[in-house]
Amino acid sequence: MLQAIGLTSTPRRDLSPAVDDLTFEAPPGRVTALLGAPGSGKTTALRLMLELDSGRGVTYFRGRPLHRIGHPAREVGVLLGDVPGHPARTARGQLRMLCAAAGVPASRADDLLEVVGLAGLGDQRLGTLSVGMDRRLGLASALLGDPHTLVLDNPAEGLSPRERSWLHGLLRAHASEGGTVLHTTSDPKEAARTADRVVTIDDGRLVADQDVADFSHTRLRPRVAVRTPHAARLASVVRREARAAQRSVEVVAEESNRLSVYGSSCAEIGDTAYRHGVPVHQLADETGDTGPVSASAGAGAGVRAVPRPASSVAISELPPPIPVRPARGPLRPVRYELRRLLGVRTTTMIMAAVLAVSVGLSVLLARSGRAPLPDLLVAWPDLLPLPPAAFGAGLLGALSFGDEFRYPALAAGRGTVPRRLGLLFAKLVVSAGVAVFLATASVLVDAEALRLVYGGDLVEVPANAAPLAVSWAGLAVGCAWAGLLAAGVFRLTGAGVAAVLAVPVLVVPLVQWLLSGPSARSIVGLPSRLRELAWLQWPYETDRWAMAAVRVVTQPVGVALSLSLSALICAYVFTSLRGRARW
């Protein structure tokens, strides 16, 4: 059972809310259509149900709001607009990535591609899909977690009549298994053909909540629309002549001097008006939804032209059920993040470009003979704020959260961007691993290039190789995390890149200025003093490593990165708590 209670959107400035105190139910085992003209608030209503937009009211999915459901993809399958995925990602890769997020086996992606008729197009890029294919893939994404409730925004848009029939059969099959189906449409005839219940809204308010038979009888019968300043007189004349001729004619008086005449024709109404001298301003045949009607009825029984009932829709094949509950554990978001990272060629292209630039700069620096060996190995000339590998790690970190906002693959499951700590930790772990890999690869490739161009005498292992390696890895990881957190806070990839560049350009000079004064105190002996405070005594050999780590952190770049990361973490936590408080 889906219960929407008092849904009201937040109005903008002096405008009225797009959805105003909307309350209705969608029972299980039935297909419910949310009907309304374009701009009537259907999509806003769905976004309020899914807690994607701010507002008042609550929606219960089998007695629980969405934010109280442990596995949203298992309970609610959603299709809003186009498939929210990177255009370079394949259809199969998109579904496999979402399988990892939902905690279901990756093999379910192929099962759903078969069900929605895209089995032969799994390797096609999302950017090349037609509108019909995009809707099919969106429906497959909604069905990934084997949900009980389907919430679909105009799912038949862009489909051919044959595809519409298949889609309606699939929705009917889901309902016949006891599931709940709610979909929006602006076509009253489609609502009458496919739904068991029709909820009509206008300007964000509830107009009618009817069984499909009542909806078809009151809203879809062929009629003659008449507008005249003498509506009551014409209605009386039409009724009198219908009784005299023993014909079944129904006259319904509406607002603005308008009549709806059922069981007659434009020619008959026009002749009657002419004979009795009644001026007519509008005379037209209509079949469709014209908004709410009043309860005024004329003499005679109306002729019911009820369209084909929804039960006559051919039932399509459903995907196989998932035998187990979605998996928990830390590997679930890590799998999602790895598939998101490696599912497009952007990551590989950035890494290849970074290594190529790093090799070129390293060879050019070595030619002058003035750069020290550590700068040669990481390709860090004085004129660049960061070495290529560190900047590349920051760019990949910024993309890891920036793409979530640009292509919100998880929007249907939980908010515009998932702010769950599990996904954040997964992004931190994966981005750190990528940064360490890129930093190590750049050093190895640069060393091999220098050995190849200038000979083996140039490249030697320095005496302080371990502290240098830790410092280099820390710089790369810090840049990756700075880009990731900044993109998560400001919801923009460019903001993440700007945060990475701000560390050496703005924060490092500020830290150097603060530390430029003479120091009257020294941190020498800090490890031994820490040993006195600790319960567990560590070996004396670790003092040297602890002191080396302290020296790395107290460098201007280390201090700047630490300050930047601390500020970004606080900002991220603040925005996360504010977003949760809004629910």
Protein backbone atom coordinates (compact mmCIF):
# COMPACT_ATOMS: atom_id res chain seq x y z
CA MET A 1 0.00 0.00 0.00
CA LEU A 2 1.32 3.42 -0.99
CA GLN A 3 -0.17 6.26 1.08
CA ALA A 4 0.57 9.89 0.21
CA ILE A 5 -0.67 12.23 2.95
CA GLY A 6 -0.74 16.02 2.77
CA LEU A 7 1.98 16.43 0.14
CA THR A 8 2.78 20.13 -0.26
CA SER A 9 5.79 21.47 -2.12
CA THR A 10 7.80 24.47 -0.98
CA PRO A 11 6.56 27.49 -2.98
CA ARG A 12 8.97 29.81 -4.74
CA ARG A 13 8.67 33.47 -3.76
CA ASP A 14 5.05 34.61 -4.15
CA LEU A 15 3.98 31.67 -6.33
CA SER A 16 1.52 29.06 -5.16
CA PRO A 17 2.97 25.59 -4.41
CA ALA A 18 3.16 23.17 -7.33
CA VAL A 19 1.55 20.51 -5.11
CA ASP A 20 -0.91 21.58 -2.44
CA ASP A 21 -2.21 19.20 0.26
CA LEU A 22 -2.35 16.15 -2.02
CA THR A 23 -3.61 12.96 -0.37
CA PHE A 24 -4.38 9.64 -2.06
CA GLU A 25 -3.64 5.92 -1.91
CA ALA A 26 -2.35 3.34 -4.38
CA PRO A 27 -3.46 -0.13 -3.21
CA PRO A 28 -1.39 -3.29 -3.79
CA GLY A 29 -2.35 -5.60 -6.62
CA ARG A 30 -3.65 -2.71 -8.70
CA VAL A 31 -2.31 -0.20 -11.22
CA THR A 32 -2.95 3.42 -10.22
CA ALA A 33 -2.62 6.26 -12.72
CA LEU A 34 -1.84 9.80 -11.58
CA LEU A 35 -3.53 11.84 -14.29
CA GLY A 36 -3.04 15.52 -15.03
CA ALA A 37 -2.21 17.96 -17.77
CA PRO A 38 1.43 19.00 -18.29
CA GLY A 39 2.39 21.33 -15.45
CA SER A 40 -0.29 20.05 -13.08
CA GLY A 41 2.29 18.88 -10.51
CA LYS A 42 2.54 15.14 -11.24
CA THR A 43 6.35 14.95 -11.31
CA THR A 44 6.67 17.22 -8.27
CA ALA A 45 4.28 14.94 -6.39
CA LEU A 46 6.46 11.91 -7.17
CA ARG A 47 9.61 13.74 -6.09
CA LEU A 48 7.94 14.66 -2.81
CA MET A 49 6.99 11.01 -2.27
CA LEU A 50 10.59 9.97 -2.85
CA GLU A 51 12.00 12.74 -0.61
CA LEU A 52 13.90 14.29 -3.50
CA ASP A 53 12.28 17.74 -3.09
CA SER A 54 11.69 19.71 0.08
CA GLY A 55 8.15 20.20 1.31
CA ARG A 56 5.56 18.98 3.80
CA GLY A 57 3.65 15.75 4.03
CA VAL A 58 4.68 12.13 4.22
CA THR A 59 4.46 9.06 2.00
CA TYR A 60 4.29 5.55 3.46
CA PHE A 61 5.45 2.53 1.50
CA ARG A 62 3.82 -0.41 3.26
CA GLY A 63 3.71 1.64 6.45
CA ARG A 64 7.23 3.14 6.34
CA PRO A 65 8.58 6.39 4.87
CA LEU A 66 11.42 6.01 2.41
CA HIS A 67 14.15 7.21 4.77
CA ARG A 68 13.17 4.47 7.25
CA ILE A 69 13.61 1.69 4.70
CA GLY A 70 16.95 -0.13 4.94
CA HIS A 71 17.00 -1.22 1.29
CA PRO A 72 15.08 1.37 -0.77
CA ALA A 73 15.79 -0.43 -4.05
CA ARG A 74 14.17 -3.56 -2.64
CA GLU A 75 10.99 -1.69 -1.71
CA VAL A 76 10.61 1.03 -4.38
CA GLY A 77 11.57 0.99 -8.04
CA VAL A 78 11.66 4.44 -9.60
CA LEU A 79 11.77 5.87 -13.11
CA LEU A 80 12.01 9.68 -13.28
CA GLY A 81 12.90 11.23 -16.61
CA ASP A 82 15.77 9.85 -18.65
CA VAL A 83 18.26 7.23 -17.45
CA PRO A 84 20.58 9.19 -15.11
CA GLY A 85 23.90 7.79 -16.25
CA HIS A 86 27.12 8.83 -17.93
CA PRO A 87 26.53 8.89 -21.71
CA ALA A 88 29.77 6.96 -22.32
CA ARG A 89 28.71 4.08 -20.05
CA THR A 90 27.20 0.97 -21.62
CA ALA A 91 23.70 -0.21 -20.83
CA ARG A 92 25.05 -3.39 -19.22
CA GLY A 93 27.70 -1.44 -17.28
CA GLN A 94 25.05 0.95 -15.97
CA LEU A 95 22.87 -1.89 -14.69
CA ARG A 96 25.82 -3.78 -13.19
CA MET A 97 26.88 -0.63 -11.34
CA LEU A 98 23.36 -0.23 -9.94
CA CYS A 99 23.32 -3.94 -9.04
CA ALA A 100 26.32 -3.30 -6.80
CA ALA A 101 24.54 -0.34 -5.19
CA ALA A 102 21.39 -2.40 -4.59
CA GLY A 103 23.34 -5.41 -3.31
CA VAL A 104 21.96 -7.84 -5.89
CA PRO A 105 23.94 -10.25 -8.10
CA ALA A 106 25.50 -8.73 -11.20
CA SER A 107 23.86 -11.47 -13.30
CA ARG A 108 20.51 -9.75 -12.75
CA ALA A 109 21.59 -7.05 -15.20
CA ASP A 110 21.55 -9.56 -18.07
CA ASP A 111 18.20 -10.97 -16.90
CA LEU A 112 16.60 -7.54 -16.99
CA LEU A 113 18.12 -6.64 -20.34
CA GLU A 114 16.42 -9.77 -21.67
CA VAL A 115 13.08 -8.86 -20.06
CA VAL A 116 12.98 -5.30 -21.42
CA GLY A 117 14.09 -6.35 -24.91
CA LEU A 118 17.63 -4.93 -24.85
CA ALA A 119 19.55 -8.21 -24.69
CA GLY A 120 21.42 -7.48 -27.94
CA LEU A 121 22.16 -3.86 -27.02
CA GLY A 122 23.94 -4.34 -23.70
CA ASP A 123 27.22 -2.91 -25.07
CA GLN A 124 25.60 0.19 -26.55
CA ARG A 125 26.46 3.53 -24.95
CA LEU A 126 23.76 5.40 -23.07
CA GLY A 127 24.34 8.49 -25.18
CA THR A 128 23.37 6.63 -28.35
CA LEU A 129 20.11 5.10 -27.09
CA SER A 130 16.84 6.19 -28.64
CA VAL A 131 14.00 7.51 -26.50
CA GLY A 132 12.25 4.15 -26.51
CA MET A 133 15.44 2.27 -25.57
CA ASP A 134 16.11 4.81 -22.82
CA ARG A 135 12.67 4.19 -21.32
CA ARG A 136 13.21 0.43 -21.46
CA LEU A 137 16.57 0.76 -19.70
CA GLY A 138 15.01 3.05 -17.10
CA LEU A 139 12.36 0.43 -16.42
CA ALA A 140 15.08 -2.21 -16.07
CA SER A 141 16.84 0.02 -13.51
CA ALA A 142 13.57 0.32 -11.56
CA LEU A 143 13.14 -3.47 -11.48
CA LEU A 144 16.71 -4.27 -10.38
CA GLY A 145 15.97 -4.78 -6.70
CA ASP A 146 12.76 -6.78 -7.29
CA PRO A 147 10.75 -3.97 -5.62
CA HIS A 148 7.25 -4.21 -4.24
CA THR A 149 6.25 -0.71 -5.45
CA LEU A 150 6.90 0.86 -8.84
CA VAL A 151 6.78 4.67 -9.10
CA LEU A 152 7.08 5.69 -12.75
CA ASP A 153 6.89 9.17 -14.28
CA ASN A 154 5.23 8.96 -17.69
CA PRO A 155 6.85 5.61 -18.55
CA ALA A 156 5.15 5.33 -21.97
CA GLU A 157 6.64 8.59 -23.28
CA GLY A 158 8.44 8.05 -26.58
CA LEU A 159 7.22 4.46 -27.02
CA SER A 160 5.46 3.12 -30.08
CA PRO A 161 1.93 1.65 -29.73
CA ARG A 162 3.40 -1.86 -29.68
CA GLU A 163 5.94 -0.88 -26.99
CA ARG A 164 3.18 0.79 -24.98
CA SER A 165 1.19 -2.42 -25.04
CA TRP A 166 4.24 -4.35 -23.83
CA LEU A 167 4.89 -1.81 -21.06
CA HIS A 168 1.31 -1.91 -19.83
CA GLY A 169 1.43 -5.70 -19.82
CA LEU A 170 4.56 -5.59 -17.68
CA LEU A 171 2.93 -3.23 -15.19
CA ARG A 172 -0.17 -5.45 -15.13
CA ALA A 173 2.02 -8.50 -14.44
CA HIS A 174 3.74 -6.73 -11.55
CA ALA A 175 0.37 -5.81 -10.05
CA SER A 176 -0.99 -9.32 -10.52
CA GLU A 177 1.87 -10.60 -8.33
CA GLY A 178 0.67 -8.37 -5.49
CA GLY A 179 2.87 -5.36 -6.23
CA THR A 180 1.84 -1.71 -6.22
CA VAL A 181 2.13 0.33 -9.42
CA LEU A 182 1.81 4.12 -9.61
CA HIS A 183 2.51 5.87 -12.90
CA THR A 184 1.78 9.33 -14.23
CA THR A 185 0.18 10.19 -17.55
CA SER A 186 -1.40 13.16 -19.25
CA ASP A 187 -3.60 11.04 -21.54
CA PRO A 188 -6.98 10.13 -19.99
CA LYS A 189 -7.56 7.40 -22.56
CA GLU A 190 -4.28 5.71 -21.62
CA ALA A 191 -5.21 5.95 -17.94
CA ALA A 192 -8.57 4.29 -18.64
CA ARG A 193 -6.97 1.50 -20.70
CA THR A 194 -4.18 0.60 -18.33
CA ALA A 195 -5.16 1.50 -14.75
CA ASP A 196 -7.49 0.05 -12.17
CA ARG A 197 -7.76 3.38 -10.38
CA VAL A 198 -7.29 6.95 -11.65
CA VAL A 199 -6.23 9.85 -9.42
CA THR A 200 -6.77 13.15 -11.23
CA ILE A 201 -4.95 16.31 -10.14
CA ASP A 202 -5.02 19.89 -11.42
CA ASP A 203 -2.74 22.72 -10.26
CA GLY A 204 -1.33 20.39 -7.63
CA ARG A 205 -4.70 19.66 -6.01
CA LEU A 206 -6.75 16.49 -5.96
CA VAL A 207 -9.65 16.63 -8.43
CA ALA A 208 -10.96 13.07 -8.34
CA ASP A 209 -9.99 9.64 -7.04
CA GLN A 210 -12.07 7.11 -8.99
CA ASP A 211 -12.31 3.51 -10.00
CA VAL A 212 -11.56 3.13 -13.71
CA ALA A 213 -15.20 2.32 -14.55
CA ASP A 214 -16.45 5.49 -12.85
CA PHE A 215 -13.67 7.51 -14.44
CA SER A 216 -14.55 6.21 -17.90
CA HIS A 217 -18.25 6.92 -17.40
CA THR A 218 -17.86 10.44 -16.08
CA ARG A 219 -14.81 11.67 -17.97
CA LEU A 220 -14.35 9.79 -21.25
CA ARG A 221 -17.73 9.52 -22.97
CA PRO A 222 -18.08 11.20 -26.38
CA ARG A 223 -19.93 14.46 -25.95
CA VAL A 224 -20.86 17.71 -27.62
CA ALA A 225 -19.34 20.78 -25.98
CA VAL A 226 -21.63 23.82 -26.21
CA ARG A 227 -20.95 27.33 -24.94
CA THR A 228 -23.85 29.79 -24.95
CA PRO A 229 -25.00 32.74 -22.82
CA HIS A 230 -28.37 30.99 -22.49
CA ALA A 231 -27.12 27.63 -21.27
CA ALA A 232 -30.12 26.87 -19.03
CA ARG A 233 -32.62 27.62 -21.82
CA LEU A 234 -30.77 25.48 -24.37
CA ALA A 235 -30.43 22.61 -21.86
CA SER A 236 -34.18 22.67 -21.24
CA VAL A 237 -34.97 22.66 -24.97
CA VAL A 238 -32.59 19.78 -25.70
CA ARG A 239 -34.06 17.69 -22.90
CA ARG A 240 -37.63 18.38 -24.03
CA GLU A 241 -36.92 17.40 -27.65
CA ALA A 242 -35.02 14.25 -26.52
CA ARG A 243 -38.04 13.13 -24.48
CA ALA A 244 -40.39 13.83 -27.38
CA ALA A 245 -38.22 11.77 -29.75
CA GLN A 246 -37.66 9.08 -27.09
CA ARG A 247 -33.86 9.36 -27.40
CA SER A 248 -31.31 8.86 -24.57
CA VAL A 249 -29.63 12.23 -24.18
CA GLU A 250 -27.85 13.56 -21.09
CA VAL A 251 -27.10 17.25 -20.57
CA VAL A 252 -24.54 18.30 -17.98
CA ALA A 253 -24.24 21.96 -17.01
CA GLU A 254 -20.71 23.11 -16.28
CA GLU A 255 -19.03 26.39 -15.45
CA SER A 256 -18.82 29.47 -17.70
CA ASN A 257 -22.12 28.88 -19.52
CA ARG A 258 -20.86 25.57 -20.87
CA LEU A 259 -22.87 22.41 -21.53
CA SER A 260 -21.74 18.86 -22.19
CA VAL A 261 -24.35 16.90 -24.13
CA TYR A 262 -24.00 13.10 -24.23
CA GLY A 263 -25.87 10.96 -26.78
CA SER A 264 -26.28 13.67 -29.43
CA SER A 265 -24.29 15.31 -32.24
CA CYS A 266 -23.15 18.78 -33.24
CA ALA A 267 -25.66 18.86 -36.10
CA GLU A 268 -28.63 18.05 -33.85
CA ILE A 269 -27.62 20.57 -31.16
CA GLY A 270 -26.97 23.25 -33.80
CA ASP A 271 -30.38 22.71 -35.41
CA THR A 272 -32.13 22.85 -32.04
CA ALA A 273 -30.38 26.09 -31.10
CA TYR A 274 -31.23 27.64 -34.49
CA ARG A 275 -34.91 26.71 -34.28
CA HIS A 276 -35.28 28.28 -30.83
CA GLY A 277 -33.13 31.34 -31.51
CA VAL A 278 -30.39 30.51 -28.97
CA PRO A 279 -26.99 32.02 -29.85
CA VAL A 280 -24.11 29.52 -29.73
CA HIS A 281 -20.49 30.60 -29.14
CA GLN A 282 -18.89 27.14 -29.24
CA LEU A 283 -20.02 23.82 -30.68
CA ALA A 284 -17.58 20.90 -30.90
CA ASP A 285 -17.32 17.14 -30.53
CA GLU A 286 -15.06 16.06 -27.65
CA THR A 287 -13.76 12.82 -26.23
CA GLY A 288 -11.35 13.12 -23.36
CA ASP A 289 -10.72 14.69 -20.00
CA THR A 290 -11.89 18.28 -19.53
CA GLY A 291 -11.48 18.56 -15.77
CA PRO A 292 -14.02 18.10 -13.01
CA VAL A 293 -17.69 18.14 -13.87
CA SER A 294 -20.62 19.17 -11.72
CA ALA A 295 -23.40 16.85 -10.64
CA SER A 296 -26.18 18.36 -12.78
CA ALA A 297 -27.74 15.68 -14.98
CA GLY A 298 -30.53 15.79 -17.48
CA ALA A 299 -33.41 13.51 -18.26
CA GLY A 300 -32.78 10.17 -19.79
CA ALA A 301 -30.19 7.52 -19.22
CA GLY A 302 -26.72 8.38 -20.51
CA VAL A 303 -25.00 6.20 -23.03
CA ARG A 304 -21.84 4.63 -21.53
CA ALA A 305 -18.99 4.29 -23.96
CA VAL A 306 -16.54 2.60 -21.60
CA PRO A 307 -13.19 1.78 -23.22
CA ARG A 308 -11.51 -1.57 -23.04
CA PRO A 309 -10.95 -2.52 -19.40
CA ALA A 310 -7.43 -2.70 -18.06
CA SER A 311 -7.73 -6.42 -17.41
CA SER A 312 -7.70 -7.06 -21.16
CA VAL A 313 -4.09 -5.83 -21.44
CA ALA A 314 -1.79 -8.72 -22.31
CA ILE A 315 0.42 -9.60 -19.34
CA SER A 316 4.15 -9.50 -20.12
CA GLU A 317 6.94 -11.56 -18.63
CA LEU A 318 8.40 -10.42 -15.32
CA PRO A 319 12.08 -10.75 -14.36
CA PRO A 320 12.91 -13.69 -12.11
CA PRO A 321 12.66 -12.98 -8.37
CA ILE A 322 15.76 -12.48 -6.27
CA PRO A 323 16.15 -15.51 -3.98
CA VAL A 324 18.05 -13.68 -1.24
CA ARG A 325 17.87 -10.33 0.47
CA PRO A 326 20.25 -7.61 -0.73
CA ALA A 327 23.74 -8.06 0.64
CA ARG A 328 25.13 -5.86 3.37
CA GLY A 329 28.69 -5.05 4.23
CA PRO A 330 31.45 -2.67 3.17
CA LEU A 331 32.10 -4.37 -0.18
CA ARG A 332 28.73 -3.32 -1.56
CA PRO A 333 29.52 0.41 -1.94
CA VAL A 334 33.12 -0.41 -2.88
CA ARG A 335 31.89 -2.54 -5.79
CA TYR A 336 29.60 0.26 -6.87
CA GLU A 337 32.42 2.82 -6.76
CA LEU A 338 34.84 0.58 -8.67
CA ARG A 339 32.27 -0.06 -11.40
CA ARG A 340 31.45 3.63 -11.55
CA LEU A 341 35.14 4.53 -11.83
CA LEU A 342 36.15 1.88 -14.37
CA GLY A 343 32.92 1.80 -16.38
CA VAL A 344 33.92 4.77 -18.56
CA ARG A 345 37.07 5.56 -20.50
CA THR A 346 37.55 8.90 -18.74
CA THR A 347 39.57 7.33 -15.92
CA THR A 348 41.93 5.52 -18.28
CA MET A 349 42.38 8.58 -20.47
CA ILE A 350 43.19 10.81 -17.48
CA MET A 351 45.73 8.32 -16.14
CA ALA A 352 47.38 7.93 -19.55
CA ALA A 353 47.54 11.70 -20.03
CA VAL A 354 49.02 12.20 -16.55
CA LEU A 355 51.74 9.61 -17.12
CA ALA A 356 52.59 11.05 -20.53
CA VAL A 357 52.89 14.60 -19.19
CA SER A 358 54.87 13.35 -16.20
CA VAL A 359 57.40 11.59 -18.42
CA GLY A 360 57.79 14.62 -20.66
CA LEU A 361 58.35 17.01 -17.76
CA SER A 362 60.77 14.63 -16.04
CA VAL A 363 62.94 14.33 -19.15
CA LEU A 364 62.94 18.11 -19.69
CA LEU A 365 63.84 18.81 -16.05
CA ALA A 366 66.74 16.35 -16.14
CA ARG A 367 68.16 18.05 -19.22
CA SER A 368 68.97 21.24 -17.28
CA GLY A 369 70.79 19.29 -14.56
CA ARG A 370 69.66 21.67 -11.80
CA ALA A 371 66.58 19.82 -10.46
CA PRO A 372 67.10 17.39 -7.55
CA LEU A 373 66.32 13.70 -8.04
CA PRO A 374 63.02 13.70 -6.04
CA ASP A 375 61.67 16.48 -8.26
CA LEU A 376 62.76 14.54 -11.34
CA LEU A 377 61.02 11.36 -10.24
CA VAL A 378 57.68 13.10 -9.60
CA ALA A 379 58.07 15.62 -12.46
CA TRP A 380 57.53 18.72 -10.32
CA PRO A 381 59.07 21.86 -11.82
CA ASP A 382 59.03 25.08 -9.80
CA LEU A 383 56.60 26.78 -12.18
CA LEU A 384 53.81 24.22 -11.54
CA PRO A 385 51.74 24.31 -8.34
CA LEU A 386 51.44 20.51 -8.31
CA PRO A 387 53.09 17.58 -10.07
CA PRO A 388 50.94 15.96 -12.79
CA ALA A 389 50.23 12.80 -10.78
CA ALA A 390 48.96 14.74 -7.74
CA PHE A 391 46.76 16.94 -9.92
CA GLY A 392 45.45 13.87 -11.77
CA ALA A 393 44.59 12.21 -8.45
CA GLY A 394 42.72 15.35 -7.41
CA LEU A 395 40.85 15.46 -10.72
CA LEU A 396 39.77 11.83 -10.40
CA GLY A 397 38.70 12.49 -6.82
CA ALA A 398 36.62 15.48 -7.94
CA LEU A 399 34.99 13.41 -10.66
CA SER A 400 34.09 10.63 -8.22
CA PHE A 401 31.57 12.90 -6.48
CA GLY A 402 31.05 15.41 -9.27
CA ASP A 403 29.63 12.72 -11.56
CA GLU A 404 27.12 11.78 -8.86
CA PHE A 405 25.62 15.25 -9.19
CA ARG A 406 25.94 15.53 -12.97
CA TYR A 407 24.65 12.01 -13.63
CA PRO A 408 22.80 11.08 -10.40
CA ALA A 409 22.65 7.32 -10.83
CA LEU A 410 21.41 6.78 -7.28
CA ALA A 411 18.87 9.63 -7.22
CA ALA A 412 15.92 7.28 -7.31
CA GLY A 413 17.19 5.35 -4.33
CA ARG A 414 18.04 8.06 -1.85
CA GLY A 415 18.18 11.76 -2.55
CA THR A 416 19.92 13.72 -5.28
CA VAL A 417 23.29 12.34 -4.21
CA PRO A 418 23.80 9.48 -1.74
CA ARG A 419 25.19 10.90 1.48
CA ARG A 420 25.39 7.62 3.33
CA LEU A 421 28.67 7.17 5.16
CA GLY A 422 29.24 3.78 3.55
CA LEU A 423 29.40 5.31 0.09
CA LEU A 424 31.57 8.20 1.30
CA PHE A 425 34.06 5.78 2.86
CA ALA A 426 34.03 3.71 -0.33
CA LYS A 427 34.85 6.78 -2.38
CA LEU A 428 37.62 7.76 0.04
CA VAL A 429 39.14 4.27 -0.08
CA VAL A 430 38.91 3.89 -3.86
CA SER A 431 40.17 7.42 -4.56
CA ALA A 432 43.10 6.85 -2.16
CA GLY A 433 43.95 3.57 -3.89
CA VAL A 434 43.82 5.25 -7.30
CA ALA A 435 45.99 8.11 -6.03
CA VAL A 436 48.65 5.75 -4.64
CA PHE A 437 48.60 3.72 -7.86
CA LEU A 438 48.98 6.86 -9.98
CA ALA A 439 51.76 8.22 -7.75
CA THR A 440 53.67 4.91 -7.84
CA ALA A 441 53.19 4.47 -11.58
CA SER A 442 54.41 8.00 -12.30
CA VAL A 443 57.61 7.46 -10.27
CA LEU A 444 58.32 4.13 -11.94
CA VAL A 445 57.59 5.41 -15.44
CA ASP A 446 59.63 8.57 -14.90
CA ALA A 447 62.57 6.58 -13.54
CA GLU A 448 62.49 4.22 -16.50
CA ALA A 449 62.26 7.14 -18.94
CA LEU A 450 65.23 8.88 -17.31
CA ARG A 451 67.24 5.65 -17.36
CA LEU A 452 66.40 5.13 -21.03
CA VAL A 453 67.23 8.69 -22.12
CA TYR A 454 70.16 9.64 -19.89
CA GLY A 455 71.49 6.31 -18.63
CA GLY A 456 71.34 4.46 -15.33
CA ASP A 457 73.79 6.72 -13.45
CA LEU A 458 71.18 9.46 -13.07
CA VAL A 459 68.61 7.36 -11.21
CA GLU A 460 69.74 6.15 -7.81
CA VAL A 461 67.77 5.23 -4.72
CA PRO A 462 68.07 8.18 -2.30
CA ALA A 463 69.01 7.60 1.32
CA ASN A 464 65.72 8.99 2.60
CA ALA A 465 63.61 7.01 0.13
CA ALA A 466 61.04 5.85 2.70
CA PRO A 467 60.11 9.33 4.04
CA LEU A 468 60.01 10.66 0.48
CA ALA A 469 57.71 7.85 -0.59
CA VAL A 470 55.36 8.46 2.34
CA SER A 471 55.35 12.19 1.66
CA TRP A 472 54.67 11.67 -2.06
CA ALA A 473 51.85 9.20 -1.38
CA GLY A 474 50.35 11.51 1.24
CA LEU A 475 50.38 14.42 -1.19
CA ALA A 476 48.59 12.39 -3.87
CA VAL A 477 46.00 10.99 -1.45
CA GLY A 478 45.43 14.40 0.10
CA CYS A 479 44.80 15.97 -3.31
CA ALA A 480 42.37 13.17 -4.20
CA TRP A 481 40.43 13.60 -0.97
CA ALA A 482 40.41 17.40 -1.28
CA GLY A 483 38.88 17.14 -4.75
CA LEU A 484 36.38 14.51 -3.64
CA LEU A 485 35.14 16.37 -0.56
CA ALA A 486 34.98 19.74 -2.28
CA ALA A 487 32.94 18.27 -5.14
CA GLY A 488 30.65 16.66 -2.56
CA VAL A 489 30.17 19.92 -0.66
CA PHE A 490 29.69 22.25 -3.62
CA ARG A 491 28.07 19.66 -5.93
CA LEU A 492 30.38 20.50 -8.82
CA THR A 493 33.45 18.86 -10.30
CA GLY A 494 35.00 22.25 -11.00
CA ALA A 495 34.79 23.09 -7.31
CA GLY A 496 36.77 19.96 -6.50
CA VAL A 497 39.49 20.87 -9.00
CA ALA A 498 39.57 24.42 -7.61
CA ALA A 499 40.01 23.08 -4.08
CA VAL A 500 42.96 20.95 -5.22
CA LEU A 501 44.69 23.92 -6.86
CA ALA A 502 43.90 26.20 -3.92
CA VAL A 503 46.16 24.17 -1.62
CA PRO A 504 49.50 25.06 -3.29
CA VAL A 505 48.35 28.43 -4.69
CA LEU A 506 46.62 29.92 -1.64
CA VAL A 507 46.94 27.78 1.48
CA VAL A 508 50.64 26.87 1.23
CA PRO A 509 51.80 30.53 0.93
CA LEU A 510 49.59 31.42 3.88
CA VAL A 511 51.07 28.58 5.97
CA GLN A 512 54.62 29.57 4.96
CA TRP A 513 53.90 33.14 6.02
CA LEU A 514 52.60 31.98 9.39
CA LEU A 515 55.59 29.70 9.95
CA SER A 516 58.20 32.15 8.68
CA GLY A 517 58.85 33.68 12.10
CA PRO A 518 61.58 32.41 14.43
CA SER A 519 60.66 29.39 16.56
CA ALA A 520 61.48 29.24 20.25
CA ARG A 521 60.22 25.69 20.70
CA SER A 522 61.13 22.40 19.02
CA ILE A 523 59.24 19.15 18.56
CA VAL A 524 62.37 17.05 19.01
CA GLY A 525 61.62 14.19 21.40
CA LEU A 526 57.90 14.11 20.66
CA PRO A 527 57.78 10.29 20.06
CA SER A 528 59.42 9.56 23.42
CA ARG A 529 56.98 11.88 25.18
CA LEU A 530 54.08 10.17 23.43
CA ARG A 531 55.40 6.80 24.64
CA GLU A 532 55.11 8.00 28.20
CA LEU A 533 51.40 8.78 27.70
CA ALA A 534 50.58 5.54 25.89
CA TRP A 535 49.41 2.39 27.64
CA LEU A 536 51.11 0.17 25.09
CA GLN A 537 54.84 0.53 24.68
CA TRP A 538 56.08 0.38 21.09
CA PRO A 539 59.64 -0.52 20.05
CA TYR A 540 62.24 2.23 20.04
CA GLU A 541 62.81 1.65 16.32
CA THR A 542 59.39 3.16 15.64
CA ASP A 543 60.51 6.52 17.06
CA ARG A 544 62.41 7.23 13.86
CA TRP A 545 59.38 6.46 11.73
CA ALA A 546 57.07 8.49 13.96
CA MET A 547 59.41 11.47 13.81
CA ALA A 548 59.63 11.16 10.03
CA ALA A 549 55.83 11.18 9.81
CA VAL A 550 55.69 14.26 12.05
CA ARG A 551 58.20 16.05 9.81
CA VAL A 552 56.12 15.19 6.75
CA VAL A 553 52.94 16.53 8.31
CA THR A 554 54.61 19.70 9.59
CA GLN A 555 55.89 20.65 6.13
CA PRO A 556 54.00 23.62 4.61
CA VAL A 557 52.31 21.43 2.02
CA GLY A 558 51.35 18.86 4.68
CA VAL A 559 49.94 21.54 6.97
CA ALA A 560 48.05 23.12 4.09
CA LEU A 561 46.54 19.80 3.05
CA SER A 562 45.61 18.97 6.63
CA LEU A 563 43.87 22.32 7.06
CA SER A 564 42.05 22.03 3.76
CA LEU A 565 40.89 18.48 4.43
CA SER A 566 39.73 19.40 7.94
CA ALA A 567 37.69 22.32 6.61
CA LEU A 568 36.17 20.22 3.81
CA ILE A 569 35.28 17.38 6.20
CA CYS A 570 33.53 19.82 8.53
CA ALA A 571 31.65 21.38 5.60
CA TYR A 572 30.65 17.96 4.30
CA VAL A 573 29.38 16.83 7.69
CA PHE A 574 27.45 20.08 8.10
CA THR A 575 25.74 19.79 4.71
CA SER A 576 24.97 16.12 5.38
CA LEU A 577 23.36 16.87 8.74
CA ARG A 578 21.38 19.74 7.24
CA GLY A 579 20.16 17.47 4.46
CA ARG A 580 19.07 14.81 6.99
CA ALA A 581 17.31 17.38 9.15
CA ARG A 582 15.25 18.41 6.14
CA TRP A 583 13.67 14.96 5.97
